[in-house]
N, C-alpha and C. Protein backbone atom coordinates (compact mmCIF):
# COMPACT_ATOMS: atom_id res chain seq x y z
N UNK A 1 -0.79 -45.08 -78.15
CA UNK A 1 0.69 -45.06 -77.95
C UNK A 1 1.28 -44.92 -79.30
N UNK A 2 2.37 -44.15 -79.30
CA UNK A 2 2.88 -43.93 -80.67
C UNK A 2 3.83 -45.08 -80.99
N UNK A 3 4.31 -45.20 -82.26
CA UNK A 3 5.27 -46.21 -82.70
C UNK A 3 6.46 -46.19 -82.16
N UNK A 4 6.82 -44.98 -81.54
CA UNK A 4 8.35 -44.84 -81.00
C UNK A 4 8.39 -45.42 -79.70
N UNK A 5 7.15 -45.30 -78.86
CA UNK A 5 7.13 -46.01 -77.64
C UNK A 5 7.07 -47.42 -77.68
N UNK A 6 6.29 -48.01 -78.57
CA UNK A 6 6.25 -49.38 -78.80
C UNK A 6 7.39 -50.25 -78.78
N UNK A 7 8.57 -49.87 -79.48
CA UNK A 7 9.89 -50.59 -79.65
C UNK A 7 10.46 -50.89 -78.44
N UNK A 8 10.72 -50.12 -77.64
CA UNK A 8 11.30 -50.23 -76.26
C UNK A 8 10.51 -51.14 -75.48
N UNK A 9 9.20 -51.11 -75.37
CA UNK A 9 8.43 -52.12 -74.54
C UNK A 9 8.60 -53.30 -75.10
N UNK A 10 8.49 -53.48 -76.28
CA UNK A 10 8.64 -54.81 -76.90
C UNK A 10 9.94 -55.45 -76.64
N UNK A 11 11.09 -54.55 -76.96
CA UNK A 11 12.50 -55.08 -76.64
C UNK A 11 12.55 -55.53 -75.20
N UNK A 12 12.05 -54.75 -74.07
CA UNK A 12 12.01 -54.96 -72.85
C UNK A 12 11.38 -56.41 -72.48
N UNK A 13 10.25 -56.60 -73.21
CA UNK A 13 9.56 -57.90 -72.98
C UNK A 13 10.29 -59.07 -73.60
N UNK A 14 11.05 -58.89 -74.54
CA UNK A 14 11.58 -60.00 -75.28
C UNK A 14 12.89 -60.30 -74.37
N UNK A 15 13.42 -59.36 -73.75
CA UNK A 15 14.59 -59.56 -72.92
C UNK A 15 14.12 -60.43 -71.71
N UNK A 16 13.01 -59.98 -71.14
CA UNK A 16 12.61 -60.67 -69.78
C UNK A 16 12.13 -62.16 -70.27
N UNK A 17 11.58 -62.21 -71.46
CA UNK A 17 11.16 -63.62 -71.87
C UNK A 17 12.39 -64.61 -72.15
N UNK A 18 13.59 -63.98 -72.54
CA UNK A 18 14.67 -64.79 -72.68
C UNK A 18 15.57 -64.93 -71.35
N UNK A 19 15.08 -64.41 -70.23
CA UNK A 19 15.82 -64.67 -69.04
C UNK A 19 16.97 -63.75 -68.75
N UNK A 20 17.16 -62.66 -69.71
CA UNK A 20 18.37 -61.81 -69.66
C UNK A 20 18.21 -60.98 -68.37
N UNK A 21 16.88 -60.51 -68.06
CA UNK A 21 16.65 -59.65 -66.97
C UNK A 21 16.14 -60.36 -65.68
N UNK A 22 16.13 -61.84 -65.70
CA UNK A 22 15.71 -62.44 -64.53
C UNK A 22 16.77 -62.05 -63.20
N UNK A 23 16.16 -61.63 -62.10
CA UNK A 23 17.09 -61.25 -60.94
C UNK A 23 16.46 -61.76 -59.74
N UNK A 24 15.15 -62.13 -59.69
CA UNK A 24 14.45 -62.62 -58.43
C UNK A 24 13.92 -63.82 -58.69
N UNK A 25 14.39 -64.87 -59.45
CA UNK A 25 13.82 -66.08 -59.52
C UNK A 25 14.19 -66.83 -58.43
N UNK A 26 13.09 -67.80 -57.81
CA UNK A 26 13.38 -68.54 -56.68
C UNK A 26 12.73 -70.00 -56.97
N UNK A 27 13.31 -70.92 -56.56
CA UNK A 27 12.75 -72.21 -56.38
C UNK A 27 11.74 -72.43 -55.39
N UNK A 28 10.69 -73.03 -55.69
CA UNK A 28 9.65 -73.18 -54.79
C UNK A 28 9.59 -74.70 -54.34
N UNK A 29 8.55 -75.41 -54.70
CA UNK A 29 8.53 -76.90 -54.32
C UNK A 29 9.55 -77.45 -55.48
N UNK A 30 10.11 -78.51 -54.85
CA UNK A 30 11.05 -79.42 -55.86
C UNK A 30 10.76 -80.82 -55.76
N UNK A 31 10.92 -81.43 -56.90
CA UNK A 31 10.76 -82.85 -57.00
C UNK A 31 12.05 -83.38 -57.21
N UNK A 32 12.40 -84.67 -56.95
CA UNK A 32 13.68 -85.30 -57.07
C UNK A 32 13.62 -86.68 -57.47
N UNK A 33 14.66 -87.28 -58.04
CA UNK A 33 14.95 -88.64 -58.31
C UNK A 33 16.31 -89.06 -58.00
N UNK A 34 16.55 -90.43 -57.36
CA UNK A 34 17.85 -90.74 -57.44
C UNK A 34 17.84 -92.00 -58.08
N UNK A 35 18.59 -92.08 -59.23
CA UNK A 35 18.67 -93.08 -60.12
C UNK A 35 19.94 -93.52 -60.63
N UNK A 36 20.07 -94.88 -60.98
CA UNK A 36 21.29 -95.24 -61.75
C UNK A 36 21.13 -94.94 -63.22
N UNK A 37 22.14 -94.32 -63.75
CA UNK A 37 22.18 -94.05 -65.08
C UNK A 37 23.47 -94.55 -65.74
N UNK A 38 23.34 -94.66 -67.24
CA UNK A 38 24.65 -95.16 -67.65
C UNK A 38 25.13 -94.11 -68.79
N UNK A 39 24.54 -92.91 -68.79
CA UNK A 39 24.85 -91.79 -69.59
C UNK A 39 25.65 -90.72 -68.99
N UNK A 40 26.11 -90.74 -67.86
CA UNK A 40 26.89 -89.60 -67.06
C UNK A 40 28.23 -89.56 -67.48
N UNK A 41 28.65 -88.29 -67.70
CA UNK A 41 29.84 -88.24 -68.03
C UNK A 41 30.61 -86.89 -67.40
N UNK A 42 31.84 -86.85 -66.93
CA UNK A 42 32.79 -87.87 -66.92
C UNK A 42 32.60 -88.75 -65.73
N UNK A 43 33.33 -89.94 -65.73
CA UNK A 43 33.10 -90.95 -64.68
C UNK A 43 32.87 -92.36 -65.26
N UNK A 44 32.54 -93.30 -64.23
CA UNK A 44 32.31 -94.74 -64.72
C UNK A 44 31.01 -94.59 -65.52
N UNK A 45 30.82 -95.62 -66.19
CA UNK A 45 29.84 -95.87 -67.05
C UNK A 45 28.36 -95.83 -66.50
N UNK A 46 28.33 -96.47 -65.28
CA UNK A 46 26.96 -96.27 -64.50
C UNK A 46 27.32 -95.63 -63.12
N UNK A 47 26.42 -94.64 -62.89
CA UNK A 47 26.42 -93.98 -61.73
C UNK A 47 25.24 -93.62 -61.16
N UNK A 48 25.14 -93.51 -59.83
CA UNK A 48 23.87 -93.02 -59.06
C UNK A 48 23.91 -91.70 -59.03
N UNK A 49 22.76 -91.05 -59.57
CA UNK A 49 22.73 -89.46 -59.55
C UNK A 49 21.45 -88.94 -59.12
N UNK A 50 21.57 -87.81 -58.46
CA UNK A 50 20.51 -86.90 -57.93
C UNK A 50 19.94 -86.03 -59.11
N UNK A 51 18.68 -86.04 -59.25
CA UNK A 51 18.10 -85.18 -60.41
C UNK A 51 16.93 -84.54 -59.56
N UNK A 52 17.06 -83.23 -59.51
CA UNK A 52 16.04 -82.31 -58.83
C UNK A 52 15.54 -81.29 -59.97
N UNK A 53 14.21 -80.99 -59.82
CA UNK A 53 13.64 -80.05 -60.73
C UNK A 53 12.64 -79.29 -59.79
N UNK A 54 12.45 -78.03 -60.41
CA UNK A 54 11.50 -77.28 -59.80
C UNK A 54 10.12 -77.28 -60.28
N UNK A 55 8.98 -76.56 -59.81
CA UNK A 55 7.71 -76.67 -60.39
C UNK A 55 7.35 -75.57 -61.23
N UNK A 56 8.18 -74.58 -61.60
CA UNK A 56 7.97 -73.61 -62.46
C UNK A 56 8.59 -73.97 -63.88
N UNK A 57 7.93 -73.41 -64.90
CA UNK A 57 8.58 -73.70 -66.21
C UNK A 57 8.99 -72.45 -66.76
N UNK A 58 10.28 -72.55 -67.39
CA UNK A 58 11.01 -71.28 -67.77
C UNK A 58 11.14 -71.45 -69.18
N UNK A 59 11.43 -70.23 -70.04
CA UNK A 59 11.63 -70.23 -71.55
C UNK A 59 12.75 -70.99 -72.05
N UNK A 60 13.66 -71.32 -71.21
CA UNK A 60 14.84 -72.05 -71.61
C UNK A 60 14.95 -73.39 -70.76
N UNK A 61 15.18 -74.41 -71.40
CA UNK A 61 15.26 -75.68 -70.76
C UNK A 61 16.62 -75.86 -69.82
N UNK A 62 17.45 -74.85 -69.87
CA UNK A 62 18.82 -74.98 -69.20
C UNK A 62 18.80 -74.11 -68.06
N UNK A 63 17.69 -73.77 -67.47
CA UNK A 63 17.73 -72.97 -66.10
C UNK A 63 18.20 -73.82 -65.20
N UNK A 64 19.10 -73.41 -63.97
CA UNK A 64 19.79 -74.41 -63.10
C UNK A 64 19.20 -73.94 -61.73
N UNK A 65 19.04 -74.85 -60.87
CA UNK A 65 18.76 -74.64 -59.53
C UNK A 65 20.09 -74.47 -58.69
N UNK A 66 20.34 -73.35 -58.14
CA UNK A 66 21.65 -73.13 -57.38
C UNK A 66 21.69 -73.95 -56.21
N UNK A 67 22.80 -74.93 -56.14
CA UNK A 67 23.03 -75.82 -54.97
C UNK A 67 24.28 -76.19 -54.98
N UNK A 68 24.46 -76.89 -53.61
CA UNK A 68 25.82 -77.42 -53.11
C UNK A 68 25.76 -78.64 -52.76
N UNK A 69 26.37 -79.69 -53.30
CA UNK A 69 26.51 -81.07 -52.84
C UNK A 69 27.60 -81.38 -51.86
N UNK A 70 27.22 -82.05 -50.86
CA UNK A 70 28.26 -82.69 -49.92
C UNK A 70 28.05 -84.00 -49.69
N UNK A 71 28.92 -85.00 -49.88
CA UNK A 71 28.76 -86.50 -49.73
C UNK A 71 29.91 -86.79 -48.67
N UNK A 72 29.53 -87.17 -47.52
CA UNK A 72 30.51 -87.47 -46.49
C UNK A 72 29.98 -88.85 -45.82
N UNK A 73 30.80 -89.91 -46.12
CA UNK A 73 30.41 -91.20 -45.36
C UNK A 73 29.08 -91.74 -45.83
N UNK A 74 28.05 -91.68 -45.01
CA UNK A 74 26.83 -92.31 -45.20
C UNK A 74 25.67 -90.99 -45.31
N UNK A 75 26.20 -89.68 -45.35
CA UNK A 75 25.46 -88.59 -45.29
C UNK A 75 25.44 -87.79 -46.71
N UNK A 76 24.43 -87.47 -47.30
CA UNK A 76 24.29 -86.73 -48.41
C UNK A 76 23.59 -85.56 -48.14
N UNK A 77 24.21 -84.22 -48.28
CA UNK A 77 23.66 -83.07 -48.09
C UNK A 77 23.67 -81.99 -49.14
N UNK A 78 22.35 -81.71 -49.49
CA UNK A 78 22.26 -80.68 -50.57
C UNK A 78 21.78 -79.31 -49.98
N UNK A 79 22.84 -78.48 -50.20
CA UNK A 79 22.38 -76.92 -49.50
C UNK A 79 21.92 -76.13 -50.82
N UNK A 80 20.76 -75.61 -50.73
CA UNK A 80 20.15 -74.89 -51.74
C UNK A 80 19.77 -73.48 -51.41
N UNK A 81 20.14 -72.52 -52.38
CA UNK A 81 20.09 -71.23 -51.75
C UNK A 81 18.58 -70.62 -52.10
N UNK A 82 17.91 -71.47 -52.99
CA UNK A 82 16.62 -70.98 -53.55
C UNK A 82 16.61 -70.29 -54.69
N UNK A 83 17.79 -69.90 -55.15
CA UNK A 83 17.95 -69.07 -56.46
C UNK A 83 18.00 -69.92 -57.58
N UNK A 84 17.38 -69.57 -58.76
CA UNK A 84 17.55 -70.24 -60.09
C UNK A 84 18.29 -69.12 -60.95
N UNK A 85 19.29 -69.89 -61.54
CA UNK A 85 20.26 -69.09 -62.38
C UNK A 85 19.88 -69.34 -63.77
N UNK A 86 19.71 -68.13 -64.48
CA UNK A 86 19.53 -68.13 -65.93
C UNK A 86 20.60 -68.48 -66.82
N UNK A 87 20.44 -69.14 -67.85
CA UNK A 87 21.73 -69.50 -68.63
C UNK A 87 22.16 -68.48 -69.35
N UNK A 88 23.50 -68.44 -69.76
CA UNK A 88 24.04 -67.49 -70.71
C UNK A 88 23.63 -67.63 -72.16
N UNK A 89 23.31 -69.06 -72.58
CA UNK A 89 22.92 -69.33 -73.65
C UNK A 89 21.71 -70.02 -73.54
N UNK A 90 20.50 -69.57 -74.15
CA UNK A 90 19.31 -70.14 -73.89
C UNK A 90 18.99 -71.42 -74.89
N UNK A 91 18.90 -72.55 -74.39
CA UNK A 91 18.44 -73.78 -75.17
C UNK A 91 16.92 -73.56 -75.36
N UNK A 92 16.36 -73.24 -76.45
CA UNK A 92 15.17 -72.85 -76.54
C UNK A 92 14.11 -73.96 -76.65
N UNK A 93 13.59 -74.00 -75.54
CA UNK A 93 12.49 -75.20 -75.17
C UNK A 93 12.09 -74.85 -73.64
N UNK A 94 10.78 -74.94 -73.53
CA UNK A 94 10.36 -74.72 -72.22
C UNK A 94 10.60 -75.88 -71.20
N UNK A 95 10.84 -75.53 -69.91
CA UNK A 95 11.12 -76.74 -69.12
C UNK A 95 11.41 -76.03 -67.63
N UNK A 96 11.53 -76.88 -66.59
CA UNK A 96 11.78 -76.59 -65.31
C UNK A 96 13.14 -76.24 -65.15
N UNK A 97 13.52 -75.73 -64.01
CA UNK A 97 14.98 -75.44 -63.58
C UNK A 97 15.32 -76.65 -62.88
N UNK A 98 16.52 -77.08 -63.13
CA UNK A 98 17.11 -78.45 -62.73
C UNK A 98 18.41 -78.28 -61.84
N UNK A 99 18.71 -79.50 -61.39
CA UNK A 99 20.05 -79.47 -60.60
C UNK A 99 20.23 -81.05 -60.68
N UNK A 100 21.62 -81.19 -61.22
CA UNK A 100 21.97 -82.77 -61.49
C UNK A 100 23.30 -82.93 -60.78
N UNK A 101 23.65 -84.08 -59.97
CA UNK A 101 24.72 -84.32 -59.60
C UNK A 101 25.07 -85.87 -59.48
N UNK A 102 26.13 -86.46 -59.77
CA UNK A 102 26.53 -87.67 -59.53
C UNK A 102 26.90 -87.89 -58.06
N UNK A 103 26.30 -88.66 -57.32
CA UNK A 103 26.58 -88.94 -55.79
C UNK A 103 27.74 -89.74 -55.55
N UNK A 104 28.22 -90.64 -56.28
CA UNK A 104 29.46 -91.34 -56.16
C UNK A 104 29.31 -92.31 -54.96
N UNK A 105 28.05 -93.04 -54.89
CA UNK A 105 27.81 -93.90 -53.62
C UNK A 105 27.65 -95.37 -54.19
N UNK A 106 27.61 -96.17 -53.28
CA UNK A 106 27.58 -97.65 -53.42
C UNK A 106 26.37 -98.20 -52.57
N UNK A 107 26.16 -99.54 -52.80
CA UNK A 107 24.95 -100.05 -51.93
C UNK A 107 25.12 -99.65 -50.48
N UNK A 108 23.95 -99.49 -49.84
CA UNK A 108 24.05 -99.15 -48.48
C UNK A 108 22.97 -98.18 -48.02
N UNK A 109 22.90 -97.78 -46.80
CA UNK A 109 21.90 -96.68 -46.18
C UNK A 109 22.38 -95.46 -46.13
N UNK A 110 21.90 -94.39 -46.51
CA UNK A 110 22.36 -93.13 -46.52
C UNK A 110 21.04 -92.18 -46.11
N UNK A 111 21.80 -91.16 -45.11
CA UNK A 111 20.63 -89.93 -44.94
C UNK A 111 20.77 -88.97 -46.09
N UNK A 112 19.76 -88.64 -46.42
CA UNK A 112 19.55 -87.41 -47.60
C UNK A 112 18.84 -86.24 -47.02
N UNK A 113 19.56 -85.13 -46.87
CA UNK A 113 19.10 -83.94 -46.45
C UNK A 113 19.13 -82.86 -47.35
N UNK A 114 18.01 -82.05 -47.71
CA UNK A 114 17.92 -80.89 -48.53
C UNK A 114 17.76 -79.74 -47.44
N UNK A 115 18.57 -78.79 -47.66
CA UNK A 115 18.58 -77.59 -46.71
C UNK A 115 18.43 -76.31 -47.54
N UNK A 116 17.17 -75.51 -47.16
CA UNK A 116 17.05 -74.33 -47.82
C UNK A 116 16.63 -73.20 -46.85
N UNK A 117 17.27 -72.10 -46.70
CA UNK A 117 16.87 -70.94 -45.86
C UNK A 117 16.60 -71.43 -44.41
N UNK A 118 17.47 -72.38 -43.91
CA UNK A 118 17.08 -72.78 -42.39
C UNK A 118 16.21 -74.07 -42.54
N UNK A 119 15.66 -74.48 -43.53
CA UNK A 119 14.60 -75.48 -43.35
C UNK A 119 15.26 -76.73 -43.91
N UNK A 120 15.06 -77.90 -43.34
CA UNK A 120 15.70 -79.10 -43.75
C UNK A 120 14.68 -80.12 -44.05
N UNK A 121 14.73 -80.71 -45.12
CA UNK A 121 14.07 -81.98 -45.56
C UNK A 121 14.89 -83.19 -45.44
N UNK A 122 14.42 -84.24 -44.71
CA UNK A 122 15.17 -85.46 -44.42
C UNK A 122 14.51 -86.67 -44.96
N UNK A 123 15.57 -87.57 -45.38
CA UNK A 123 15.06 -88.89 -46.11
C UNK A 123 16.13 -89.85 -45.67
N UNK A 124 15.79 -91.08 -45.86
CA UNK A 124 16.65 -92.28 -45.88
C UNK A 124 16.74 -92.75 -47.16
N UNK A 125 17.86 -93.02 -47.75
CA UNK A 125 18.12 -93.48 -48.96
C UNK A 125 18.68 -94.75 -48.81
N UNK A 126 17.98 -96.14 -49.28
CA UNK A 126 18.48 -97.25 -49.26
C UNK A 126 19.03 -97.78 -50.76
N UNK A 127 20.11 -98.07 -51.07
CA UNK A 127 20.73 -98.46 -52.19
C UNK A 127 21.07 -100.06 -52.16
N UNK A 128 20.26 -100.75 -52.96
CA UNK A 128 20.59 -102.28 -53.01
C UNK A 128 20.91 -102.44 -54.38
N UNK A 129 21.22 -103.88 -54.66
CA UNK A 129 21.61 -104.19 -55.92
C UNK A 129 20.39 -104.13 -56.98
N UNK A 130 19.19 -104.08 -56.61
CA UNK A 130 18.02 -104.28 -57.38
C UNK A 130 17.26 -102.84 -57.44
N UNK A 131 17.36 -102.06 -56.33
CA UNK A 131 16.55 -100.79 -56.42
C UNK A 131 17.18 -99.68 -55.49
N UNK A 132 16.72 -98.55 -55.61
CA UNK A 132 17.02 -97.40 -54.81
C UNK A 132 15.76 -96.94 -54.08
N UNK A 133 15.59 -97.02 -52.76
CA UNK A 133 14.34 -96.67 -52.02
C UNK A 133 14.57 -95.38 -51.21
N UNK A 134 13.46 -94.59 -51.32
CA UNK A 134 13.55 -93.39 -50.56
C UNK A 134 12.34 -93.22 -49.60
N UNK A 135 12.63 -93.02 -48.34
CA UNK A 135 11.78 -93.03 -47.30
C UNK A 135 11.81 -91.64 -46.70
N UNK A 136 10.76 -90.93 -46.91
CA UNK A 136 10.61 -89.53 -46.19
C UNK A 136 10.77 -89.51 -44.66
N UNK A 137 11.40 -88.65 -43.89
CA UNK A 137 11.34 -88.43 -42.57
C UNK A 137 10.58 -87.18 -42.18
N UNK A 138 10.98 -86.02 -42.89
CA UNK A 138 10.57 -84.88 -42.63
C UNK A 138 10.51 -84.01 -44.04
N UNK A 139 9.45 -83.67 -44.50
CA UNK A 139 9.39 -82.74 -45.77
C UNK A 139 8.72 -81.53 -45.52
N UNK A 140 9.25 -80.37 -46.25
CA UNK A 140 8.73 -79.15 -46.29
C UNK A 140 8.59 -78.65 -47.78
N UNK A 141 9.61 -78.71 -48.54
CA UNK A 141 9.68 -78.16 -49.67
C UNK A 141 10.19 -79.20 -50.93
N UNK A 142 10.26 -80.47 -50.62
CA UNK A 142 10.85 -81.44 -51.56
C UNK A 142 9.87 -82.70 -51.46
N UNK A 143 9.83 -83.28 -52.50
CA UNK A 143 9.15 -84.73 -52.44
C UNK A 143 9.80 -85.69 -53.76
N UNK A 144 9.93 -86.70 -53.21
CA UNK A 144 10.49 -87.70 -54.27
C UNK A 144 9.37 -87.98 -55.51
N UNK A 145 9.75 -88.03 -56.66
CA UNK A 145 9.15 -88.40 -57.89
C UNK A 145 8.31 -89.79 -57.77
N UNK A 146 9.08 -90.72 -57.03
CA UNK A 146 8.81 -92.10 -56.70
C UNK A 146 9.32 -92.62 -55.35
N UNK A 147 8.99 -93.45 -54.77
CA UNK A 147 9.77 -93.84 -53.56
C UNK A 147 10.73 -95.07 -53.93
N UNK A 148 10.61 -95.52 -55.11
CA UNK A 148 11.47 -96.74 -55.39
C UNK A 148 11.85 -96.68 -57.07
N UNK A 149 13.23 -96.47 -57.27
CA UNK A 149 13.65 -96.50 -58.68
C UNK A 149 14.56 -97.91 -58.76
N UNK A 150 14.25 -98.62 -59.88
CA UNK A 150 14.96 -99.81 -60.11
C UNK A 150 16.38 -99.59 -60.45
N UNK A 151 17.24 -100.31 -60.16
CA UNK A 151 18.66 -100.35 -60.79
C UNK A 151 18.76 -100.80 -62.23
N UNK A 152 19.75 -100.51 -62.86
CA UNK A 152 19.93 -101.03 -64.26
C UNK A 152 20.38 -102.50 -64.13
N UNK A 153 20.06 -103.30 -64.79
CA UNK A 153 20.25 -104.76 -64.74
C UNK A 153 21.57 -105.13 -65.42
């Protein structure tokens, strides 16, 4: 191969590695946590948040899982397209694609549904003063990182 042909191939490879040419990324299996944190902004100092991450590692740590959150009463629904969005600016560190959202919930029992391409994973989420407990009802593409997360004291 001549030197003239090497540069375009190297440039194309570099663009693909940076996520600039990513067009068919899709989330596969997802792991999630529901935790109380005290660093979420904007909002109250302590909030219960949903943290979801994919199983694939990307060249930028700020790839996002495309999702939509709806919280109505005691029902939490996360609708996921399955797509992964490449960032405009790459935070250069390897990492999984993520989705983060403050839930705005208090103590009580909630249904937690993840919906993707017509498939629904269902959980019961129990929030008490001391812990957040996750009980699986039906799972296909998600799994909790743990079934119990302690609340902040």
